[in-house]
Protein backbone atom coordinates (compact mmCIF):
# COMPACT_ATOMS: atom_id res chain seq x y z
CA MET A 1 27.41 110.03 85.93
CA ILE A 2 27.50 107.77 89.01
CA ASP A 3 30.57 107.95 91.25
CA SER A 4 31.62 104.30 91.67
CA SER A 5 33.54 105.09 94.87
CA THR A 6 30.30 105.90 96.70
CA GLU A 7 27.96 103.42 95.01
CA VAL A 8 26.47 100.96 97.50
CA VAL A 9 27.35 97.35 96.63
CA GLY A 10 26.23 95.63 99.83
CA HIS A 11 25.64 95.90 103.56
CA MET A 12 27.58 94.92 106.68
CA LEU A 13 26.22 93.97 110.11
CA TYR A 14 27.70 95.41 113.32
CA LEU A 15 26.98 93.81 116.71
CA GLU A 16 28.18 94.97 120.10
CA PHE A 17 28.00 92.93 123.30
CA LYS A 18 28.48 94.21 126.83
CA HIS A 19 29.77 92.53 130.00
CA ASP A 20 30.64 94.67 133.02
CA LYS A 21 32.88 97.38 131.56
CA SER A 22 34.07 95.34 128.57
CA SER A 23 32.76 95.36 125.03
CA TYR A 24 32.88 92.69 122.31
CA GLN A 25 32.43 94.16 118.83
CA MET A 26 31.76 92.26 115.59
CA MET A 27 31.50 93.43 111.98
CA MET A 28 30.18 90.84 109.52
CA PHE A 29 30.74 91.26 105.78
CA PRO A 30 28.73 89.02 103.43
CA PRO A 31 30.33 87.33 100.41
CA LEU A 32 30.54 89.99 97.69
CA LYS A 33 32.35 90.49 94.38
CA THR A 34 35.58 92.49 94.50
CA SER A 35 36.49 95.01 91.81
CA THR A 36 38.56 92.27 90.12
CA LEU A 37 35.37 90.16 90.00
CA SER A 38 36.73 87.56 92.41
CA GLN A 39 34.48 86.42 95.23
CA MET A 40 35.23 87.76 98.71
CA PRO A 41 34.40 85.07 101.28
CA PHE A 42 32.19 85.80 104.27
CA THR A 43 34.41 87.91 106.54
CA VAL A 44 34.12 88.77 110.24
CA PHE A 45 36.16 91.34 112.12
CA ARG A 46 35.96 91.22 115.90
CA ARG A 47 37.66 92.52 119.01
CA GLN A 48 37.18 92.74 122.76
CA ILE A 49 37.95 96.03 124.46
CA SER A 50 37.91 97.16 128.08
CA PRO A 51 39.16 100.07 130.21
CA ALA A 52 42.56 98.33 130.42
CA VAL A 53 42.76 97.75 126.63
CA ALA A 54 40.69 100.40 124.84
CA ARG A 55 42.51 100.30 121.49
CA LYS A 56 42.79 96.62 120.66
CA GLN A 57 43.25 95.64 117.01
CA TRP A 58 40.49 93.95 115.05
CA ARG A 59 40.97 90.26 114.23
CA CYS A 60 39.88 89.03 110.83
CA TYR A 61 38.22 85.67 110.19
CA GLN A 62 37.36 84.66 106.64
CA GLY A 63 35.18 81.81 105.56
CA PRO A 64 36.20 79.36 102.89
CA THR A 65 36.57 80.77 99.40
CA PRO A 66 33.76 79.31 97.29
CA SER A 67 35.22 76.48 95.25
CA SER A 68 34.23 75.88 91.67
CA THR A 69 34.55 72.11 92.18
CA MET A 70 31.47 71.87 94.40
CA PRO A 71 28.57 70.57 92.34
CA GLY A 72 25.11 72.04 92.18
CA PRO A 73 23.52 75.46 92.18
CA GLY A 74 23.88 77.51 95.34
CA SER A 75 26.75 75.41 96.68
CA ALA A 76 28.83 78.52 97.45
CA GLU A 77 25.91 79.90 99.46
CA VAL A 78 25.55 76.60 101.34
CA GLN A 79 29.28 76.54 102.08
CA ALA A 80 29.26 80.17 103.33
CA SER A 81 26.12 79.55 105.36
CA THR A 82 27.67 76.49 107.01
CA TRP A 83 30.83 78.42 107.90
CA LEU A 84 28.81 81.39 109.18
CA SER A 85 26.64 79.14 111.33
CA ALA A 86 29.70 77.42 112.80
CA LEU A 87 31.39 80.74 113.62
CA THR A 88 28.40 82.64 114.92
CA ASP A 89 26.79 79.73 116.76
CA SER A 90 29.96 78.93 118.68
CA THR A 91 30.76 82.60 119.31
CA MET A 92 27.23 83.48 120.36
CA GLN A 93 27.04 80.40 122.59
CA GLN A 94 30.31 81.36 124.30
CA LEU A 95 29.23 84.98 124.75
CA SER A 96 25.87 83.90 126.17
CA THR A 97 27.29 81.37 128.64
CA ARG A 98 29.87 83.91 129.84
CA GLY A 99 27.24 86.55 130.63
CA TRP A 100 27.60 88.85 127.60
CA THR A 101 24.44 90.63 126.40
CA LEU A 102 23.69 92.41 123.14
CA TYR A 103 24.16 96.14 123.69
CA LYS A 104 21.39 98.20 122.10
CA GLU A 105 20.48 97.09 118.57
CA PRO A 106 22.46 95.69 115.63
CA ILE A 107 23.59 98.27 113.07
CA VAL A 108 23.51 97.71 109.30
CA VAL A 109 25.98 99.83 107.33
CA GLU A 110 26.27 100.34 103.57
CA LEU A 111 29.43 99.11 101.82
CA THR A 112 31.18 100.58 98.81
CA GLN A 113 33.35 98.67 96.36
CA PHE A 114 36.43 100.10 98.10
CA ASP A 115 35.25 98.66 101.45
CA VAL A 116 34.75 95.23 99.85
CA ASP A 117 38.18 95.28 98.19
CA VAL A 118 39.91 96.18 101.47
CA ALA A 119 37.99 93.56 103.51
CA ALA A 120 38.72 90.89 100.87
CA LYS A 121 42.43 91.38 101.67
CA GLY A 122 41.73 90.69 105.35
CA LYS A 123 42.17 94.33 106.34
CA LEU A 124 39.65 96.43 108.23
CA ALA A 125 37.63 98.77 106.01
CA TYR A 126 38.11 101.96 108.03
CA LYS A 127 35.57 103.92 106.00
CA ALA A 128 32.92 101.33 106.89
CA LEU A 129 34.07 101.52 110.53
CA GLY A 130 33.64 105.30 110.33
CA ARG A 131 30.04 104.79 109.19
CA VAL A 132 29.53 102.39 112.12
CA ASN A 133 30.89 105.00 114.52
CA LYS A 134 28.58 107.68 113.05
CA ALA A 135 25.62 105.34 113.55
CA ARG A 136 26.77 104.51 117.11
CA LYS A 137 26.91 108.24 117.89
CA PHE A 138 23.48 108.87 116.31
CA LEU A 139 21.97 105.96 118.27
CA SER A 140 23.56 107.19 121.54
CA PHE A 141 25.84 104.20 122.04
CA GLU A 142 27.93 104.77 125.13
CA ASP A 143 31.67 104.05 125.19
CA TYR A 144 31.34 102.54 128.66
CA TRP A 145 34.75 100.82 128.43
CA LYS A 146 36.40 104.28 128.51
CA GLN A 147 34.88 105.08 131.88
CA SER A 148 36.85 104.44 135.06
């Protein structure tokens, strides 16, 4: 019997950018089905932390919920892709022009149905964040914003 609480239903992307002693962290959740079979929109959690503010809350940004009125196959994917491009292009452009650089490599983390259900409500999936932190530790990510 498969335990549905640990079954992998998707993957999330974690990016970390560095500038001086500050860090900009992003977790990107793709559109996935919740346990109630509704569609979770593309969701991004992000925060900027530094030695002065090392415990800042994550902000949630959700793309448009796919509408059933849009004609044609794949329209939900086009809509999500357009929103994702607008968010990431503007954010990446701002980070680049302000001197931020990608720190180490992106991390891909598995998601369970519980993670998807929590993120669909606009709340941070702390179990997924725990898996990110385990990967950060394994990959020797440095918490440089904690240093004085």
